[in-house]
Amino acid sequence: MEVAGIIVEYNPLHSGHLRLLEAGRAALGPDTAMVCVMSGNFVQRGDFALLRKHARARAAVESGADLVLELPLPWAVSSAEGFAAGGVQALAATGVVEHLLFGSECGD
């Protein structure tokens, strides 16, 4: 089984996020496990999340994520580079994530 990781905020979850989960499974196989590392109640640059972390995690699972891990606060409230670095470290620490999925607003 393939295991893919995605670093997310889902603040809020939208159709682009759903497309990324779907595209990951389309590319890697329908049995691919999707592991999300998600910010908690505070999101990038220290803003409050629109919804509490448990509601956002539930929405992620209901939308196709198999596991949601919380990104530790120091990385969650960092710059984009710190946010990404913390997320990659968390996914690598699982020892099972083989693929890193990401999307972009412009498609590049």
N, C-alpha and C. Protein backbone atom coordinates (compact mmCIF):
# COMPACT_ATOMS: atom_id res chain seq x y z
N MET A 1 0.84 -1.18 0.00
CA MET A 1 0.00 0.00 0.00
C MET A 1 0.88 1.24 0.00
N GLU A 2 0.49 2.22 -0.81
CA GLU A 2 1.18 3.50 -0.86
C GLU A 2 0.66 4.40 0.26
N VAL A 3 1.53 5.27 0.77
CA VAL A 3 1.14 6.23 1.80
C VAL A 3 1.60 7.61 1.35
N ALA A 4 0.65 8.53 1.27
CA ALA A 4 0.95 9.89 0.83
C ALA A 4 0.67 10.86 1.97
N GLY A 5 1.47 11.93 2.02
CA GLY A 5 1.29 12.96 3.03
C GLY A 5 0.94 14.29 2.40
N ILE A 6 0.11 15.05 3.11
CA ILE A 6 -0.29 16.38 2.69
C ILE A 6 -0.21 17.29 3.91
N ILE A 7 0.38 18.45 3.75
CA ILE A 7 0.46 19.45 4.81
C ILE A 7 -0.69 20.42 4.57
N VAL A 8 -1.59 20.56 5.56
CA VAL A 8 -2.83 21.28 5.32
C VAL A 8 -3.19 22.24 6.46
N GLU A 9 -4.12 23.14 6.15
CA GLU A 9 -4.79 23.92 7.18
C GLU A 9 -6.30 23.68 7.11
N TYR A 10 -6.84 23.52 5.91
CA TYR A 10 -8.28 23.33 5.72
C TYR A 10 -9.04 24.38 6.50
N ASN A 11 -8.73 25.63 6.21
CA ASN A 11 -9.29 26.76 6.95
C ASN A 11 -10.01 27.72 6.01
N PRO A 12 -11.07 27.33 5.41
CA PRO A 12 -11.82 26.08 5.53
C PRO A 12 -11.46 25.10 4.42
N LEU A 13 -11.93 23.88 4.57
CA LEU A 13 -11.80 22.86 3.53
C LEU A 13 -12.61 23.30 2.32
N HIS A 14 -12.03 23.20 1.12
CA HIS A 14 -12.76 23.61 -0.09
C HIS A 14 -12.53 22.62 -1.21
N SER A 15 -13.14 22.87 -2.35
CA SER A 15 -13.11 21.92 -3.47
C SER A 15 -11.70 21.67 -3.99
N GLY A 16 -10.81 22.65 -3.91
CA GLY A 16 -9.42 22.42 -4.33
C GLY A 16 -8.73 21.39 -3.46
N HIS A 17 -9.01 21.41 -2.16
CA HIS A 17 -8.45 20.40 -1.26
C HIS A 17 -8.99 19.01 -1.61
N LEU A 18 -10.28 18.95 -1.90
CA LEU A 18 -10.88 17.67 -2.27
C LEU A 18 -10.26 17.13 -3.56
N ARG A 19 -10.03 18.02 -4.52
CA ARG A 19 -9.41 17.60 -5.79
C ARG A 19 -8.01 17.04 -5.56
N LEU A 20 -7.26 17.62 -4.62
CA LEU A 20 -5.91 17.12 -4.34
C LEU A 20 -5.97 15.70 -3.77
N LEU A 21 -6.88 15.45 -2.84
CA LEU A 21 -7.04 14.09 -2.30
C LEU A 21 -7.42 13.11 -3.42
N GLU A 22 -8.35 13.51 -4.26
CA GLU A 22 -8.79 12.66 -5.37
C GLU A 22 -7.67 12.43 -6.37
N ALA A 23 -6.92 13.48 -6.71
CA ALA A 23 -5.83 13.35 -7.67
C ALA A 23 -4.72 12.46 -7.12
N GLY A 24 -4.46 12.55 -5.83
CA GLY A 24 -3.45 11.69 -5.22
C GLY A 24 -3.82 10.23 -5.34
N ARG A 25 -5.06 9.92 -5.06
CA ARG A 25 -5.49 8.52 -5.18
C ARG A 25 -5.55 8.09 -6.64
N ALA A 26 -5.90 8.99 -7.54
CA ALA A 26 -5.92 8.64 -8.96
C ALA A 26 -4.52 8.32 -9.46
N ALA A 27 -3.53 9.07 -8.97
CA ALA A 27 -2.14 8.86 -9.42
C ALA A 27 -1.47 7.68 -8.74
N LEU A 28 -1.77 7.47 -7.47
CA LEU A 28 -1.05 6.46 -6.69
C LEU A 28 -1.84 5.18 -6.44
N GLY A 29 -3.12 5.21 -6.73
CA GLY A 29 -3.96 4.03 -6.54
C GLY A 29 -5.04 4.29 -5.51
N PRO A 30 -6.19 3.63 -5.68
CA PRO A 30 -7.33 3.88 -4.81
C PRO A 30 -7.12 3.46 -3.35
N ASP A 31 -6.17 2.57 -3.11
CA ASP A 31 -5.90 2.12 -1.74
C ASP A 31 -4.84 2.94 -1.03
N THR A 32 -4.40 4.03 -1.66
CA THR A 32 -3.38 4.88 -1.05
C THR A 32 -3.90 5.50 0.24
N ALA A 33 -3.12 5.37 1.31
CA ALA A 33 -3.47 6.00 2.58
C ALA A 33 -3.05 7.46 2.53
N MET A 34 -3.94 8.35 2.94
CA MET A 34 -3.67 9.78 2.94
C MET A 34 -3.48 10.26 4.38
N VAL A 35 -2.29 10.75 4.68
CA VAL A 35 -1.95 11.27 6.00
C VAL A 35 -1.84 12.78 5.88
N CYS A 36 -2.65 13.49 6.65
CA CYS A 36 -2.61 14.95 6.65
C CYS A 36 -1.96 15.45 7.93
N VAL A 37 -1.08 16.42 7.80
CA VAL A 37 -0.56 17.16 8.95
C VAL A 37 -1.23 18.51 8.90
N MET A 38 -2.01 18.82 9.95
CA MET A 38 -2.85 20.00 9.93
C MET A 38 -2.55 20.89 11.13
N SER A 39 -2.58 22.19 10.90
CA SER A 39 -2.44 23.14 12.00
C SER A 39 -3.60 22.95 12.97
N GLY A 40 -3.38 23.34 14.22
CA GLY A 40 -4.41 23.21 15.25
C GLY A 40 -5.36 24.39 15.26
N ASN A 41 -5.63 24.92 16.42
CA ASN A 41 -6.59 26.03 16.54
C ASN A 41 -6.02 27.36 16.08
N PHE A 42 -4.71 27.42 15.91
CA PHE A 42 -4.05 28.60 15.35
C PHE A 42 -3.44 28.20 14.03
N VAL A 43 -3.60 29.04 13.04
CA VAL A 43 -3.11 28.71 11.70
C VAL A 43 -1.93 29.60 11.35
N GLN A 44 -1.47 29.46 10.14
CA GLN A 44 -0.26 30.13 9.69
C GLN A 44 -0.28 31.62 10.04
N ARG A 45 0.84 32.08 10.52
CA ARG A 45 1.07 33.47 10.93
C ARG A 45 0.26 33.88 12.16
N GLY A 46 -0.24 32.90 12.93
CA GLY A 46 -0.84 33.17 14.22
C GLY A 46 -2.31 33.52 14.24
N ASP A 47 -2.99 33.44 13.11
CA ASP A 47 -4.43 33.73 13.10
C ASP A 47 -5.20 32.59 13.77
N PHE A 48 -6.40 32.91 14.29
CA PHE A 48 -7.29 31.88 14.81
C PHE A 48 -7.90 31.13 13.63
N ALA A 49 -8.04 29.82 13.77
CA ALA A 49 -8.72 29.03 12.74
C ALA A 49 -10.20 29.38 12.73
N LEU A 50 -10.83 29.30 11.57
CA LEU A 50 -12.26 29.57 11.46
C LEU A 50 -13.09 28.57 12.25
N LEU A 51 -12.66 27.32 12.24
CA LEU A 51 -13.29 26.25 13.01
C LEU A 51 -12.25 25.60 13.91
N ARG A 52 -12.69 25.01 15.00
CA ARG A 52 -11.75 24.32 15.89
C ARG A 52 -11.10 23.13 15.18
N LYS A 53 -9.94 22.76 15.68
CA LYS A 53 -9.13 21.72 15.03
C LYS A 53 -9.88 20.40 14.90
N HIS A 54 -10.68 20.02 15.88
CA HIS A 54 -11.38 18.74 15.79
C HIS A 54 -12.43 18.74 14.68
N ALA A 55 -13.10 19.85 14.49
CA ALA A 55 -14.09 19.95 13.41
C ALA A 55 -13.39 19.90 12.05
N ARG A 56 -12.26 20.57 11.93
CA ARG A 56 -11.51 20.55 10.67
C ARG A 56 -10.94 19.17 10.39
N ALA A 57 -10.45 18.49 11.44
CA ALA A 57 -9.93 17.13 11.26
C ALA A 57 -11.05 16.18 10.85
N ARG A 58 -12.20 16.32 11.46
CA ARG A 58 -13.35 15.48 11.10
C ARG A 58 -13.73 15.70 9.64
N ALA A 59 -13.76 16.95 9.21
CA ALA A 59 -14.07 17.25 7.81
C ALA A 59 -13.04 16.62 6.87
N ALA A 60 -11.78 16.64 7.27
CA ALA A 60 -10.73 16.03 6.45
C ALA A 60 -10.95 14.53 6.31
N VAL A 61 -11.25 13.87 7.41
CA VAL A 61 -11.48 12.42 7.37
C VAL A 61 -12.73 12.10 6.55
N GLU A 62 -13.77 12.87 6.75
CA GLU A 62 -15.01 12.65 5.98
C GLU A 62 -14.80 12.92 4.49
N SER A 63 -13.75 13.66 4.15
CA SER A 63 -13.46 13.99 2.75
C SER A 63 -12.39 13.11 2.13
N GLY A 64 -11.88 12.13 2.87
CA GLY A 64 -10.94 11.18 2.28
C GLY A 64 -9.61 11.02 2.96
N ALA A 65 -9.30 11.83 3.95
CA ALA A 65 -8.04 11.63 4.70
C ALA A 65 -8.19 10.40 5.58
N ASP A 66 -7.13 9.63 5.71
CA ASP A 66 -7.16 8.44 6.56
C ASP A 66 -6.65 8.71 7.96
N LEU A 67 -5.78 9.71 8.09
CA LEU A 67 -5.20 10.06 9.38
C LEU A 67 -4.89 11.55 9.36
N VAL A 68 -5.21 12.24 10.45
CA VAL A 68 -4.89 13.66 10.58
C VAL A 68 -4.04 13.83 11.83
N LEU A 69 -2.85 14.36 11.65
CA LEU A 69 -1.93 14.65 12.74
C LEU A 69 -1.87 16.15 12.94
N GLU A 70 -1.69 16.59 14.17
CA GLU A 70 -1.61 18.03 14.43
C GLU A 70 -0.18 18.53 14.26
N LEU A 71 -0.02 19.58 13.48
CA LEU A 71 1.26 20.24 13.31
C LEU A 71 1.54 21.03 14.58
N PRO A 72 2.68 20.80 15.23
CA PRO A 72 2.97 21.53 16.47
C PRO A 72 2.92 23.05 16.26
N LEU A 73 2.46 23.73 17.30
CA LEU A 73 2.21 25.17 17.26
C LEU A 73 3.37 26.00 16.71
N PRO A 74 4.63 25.76 17.12
CA PRO A 74 5.71 26.63 16.60
C PRO A 74 5.79 26.64 15.08
N TRP A 75 5.47 25.51 14.44
CA TRP A 75 5.51 25.46 12.98
C TRP A 75 4.20 25.94 12.38
N ALA A 76 3.10 25.69 13.07
CA ALA A 76 1.79 26.09 12.55
C ALA A 76 1.67 27.61 12.42
N VAL A 77 2.30 28.35 13.31
CA VAL A 77 2.18 29.82 13.29
C VAL A 77 3.39 30.48 12.64
N SER A 78 4.18 29.72 11.93
CA SER A 78 5.39 30.22 11.27
C SER A 78 5.10 30.83 9.91
N SER A 79 6.17 31.28 9.29
CA SER A 79 6.12 31.69 7.89
C SER A 79 5.80 30.47 7.03
N ALA A 80 5.56 30.69 5.77
CA ALA A 80 5.28 29.58 4.86
C ALA A 80 6.40 28.56 4.87
N GLU A 81 7.64 29.04 4.91
CA GLU A 81 8.79 28.11 4.91
C GLU A 81 8.83 27.27 6.19
N GLY A 82 8.58 27.90 7.33
CA GLY A 82 8.57 27.18 8.60
C GLY A 82 7.41 26.21 8.68
N PHE A 83 6.25 26.63 8.21
CA PHE A 83 5.06 25.78 8.17
C PHE A 83 5.35 24.53 7.35
N ALA A 84 5.91 24.72 6.16
CA ALA A 84 6.23 23.59 5.28
C ALA A 84 7.30 22.69 5.88
N ALA A 85 8.34 23.28 6.44
CA ALA A 85 9.43 22.48 7.03
C ALA A 85 8.91 21.64 8.19
N GLY A 86 8.09 22.22 9.06
CA GLY A 86 7.52 21.47 10.17
C GLY A 86 6.63 20.34 9.69
N GLY A 87 5.85 20.61 8.66
CA GLY A 87 4.98 19.58 8.10
C GLY A 87 5.75 18.43 7.50
N VAL A 88 6.79 18.74 6.75
CA VAL A 88 7.62 17.69 6.16
C VAL A 88 8.29 16.87 7.25
N GLN A 89 8.79 17.53 8.29
CA GLN A 89 9.41 16.81 9.42
C GLN A 89 8.41 15.87 10.09
N ALA A 90 7.19 16.35 10.30
CA ALA A 90 6.18 15.51 10.94
C ALA A 90 5.83 14.30 10.08
N LEU A 91 5.68 14.51 8.77
CA LEU A 91 5.38 13.39 7.87
C LEU A 91 6.54 12.41 7.82
N ALA A 92 7.76 12.91 7.76
CA ALA A 92 8.94 12.03 7.74
C ALA A 92 9.04 11.23 9.03
N ALA A 93 8.67 11.83 10.15
CA ALA A 93 8.77 11.16 11.44
C ALA A 93 7.82 9.97 11.56
N THR A 94 6.78 9.92 10.72
CA THR A 94 5.88 8.76 10.77
C THR A 94 6.60 7.50 10.33
N GLY A 95 7.59 7.66 9.47
CA GLY A 95 8.32 6.51 8.95
C GLY A 95 7.58 5.73 7.88
N VAL A 96 6.39 6.18 7.50
CA VAL A 96 5.61 5.43 6.52
C VAL A 96 5.23 6.24 5.28
N VAL A 97 5.30 7.56 5.37
CA VAL A 97 4.90 8.40 4.24
C VAL A 97 5.96 8.31 3.14
N GLU A 98 5.50 7.94 1.94
CA GLU A 98 6.41 7.75 0.81
C GLU A 98 6.29 8.86 -0.23
N HIS A 99 5.17 9.56 -0.23
CA HIS A 99 4.90 10.58 -1.24
C HIS A 99 4.41 11.84 -0.55
N LEU A 100 4.81 12.98 -1.07
CA LEU A 100 4.34 14.27 -0.57
C LEU A 100 3.49 14.91 -1.66
N LEU A 101 2.23 15.18 -1.35
CA LEU A 101 1.31 15.79 -2.31
C LEU A 101 1.16 17.26 -1.97
N PHE A 102 0.99 18.10 -2.98
CA PHE A 102 0.75 19.51 -2.74
C PHE A 102 0.01 20.10 -3.93
N GLY A 103 -0.65 21.17 -3.67
CA GLY A 103 -1.35 21.89 -4.72
C GLY A 103 -0.84 23.31 -4.78
N SER A 104 -1.26 24.01 -5.81
CA SER A 104 -0.91 25.43 -5.92
C SER A 104 -2.07 26.16 -6.56
N GLU A 105 -2.21 27.41 -6.21
CA GLU A 105 -3.31 28.20 -6.75
C GLU A 105 -3.18 28.46 -8.23
N CYS A 106 -1.92 28.51 -8.71
CA CYS A 106 -1.71 28.85 -10.13
C CYS A 106 -1.43 27.62 -10.99
N GLY A 107 -1.30 26.44 -10.39
CA GLY A 107 -1.06 25.23 -11.18
C GLY A 107 0.38 24.93 -11.50
N ASP A 108 1.32 25.75 -11.05
CA ASP A 108 2.75 25.52 -11.30
C ASP A 108 3.39 24.82 -10.10
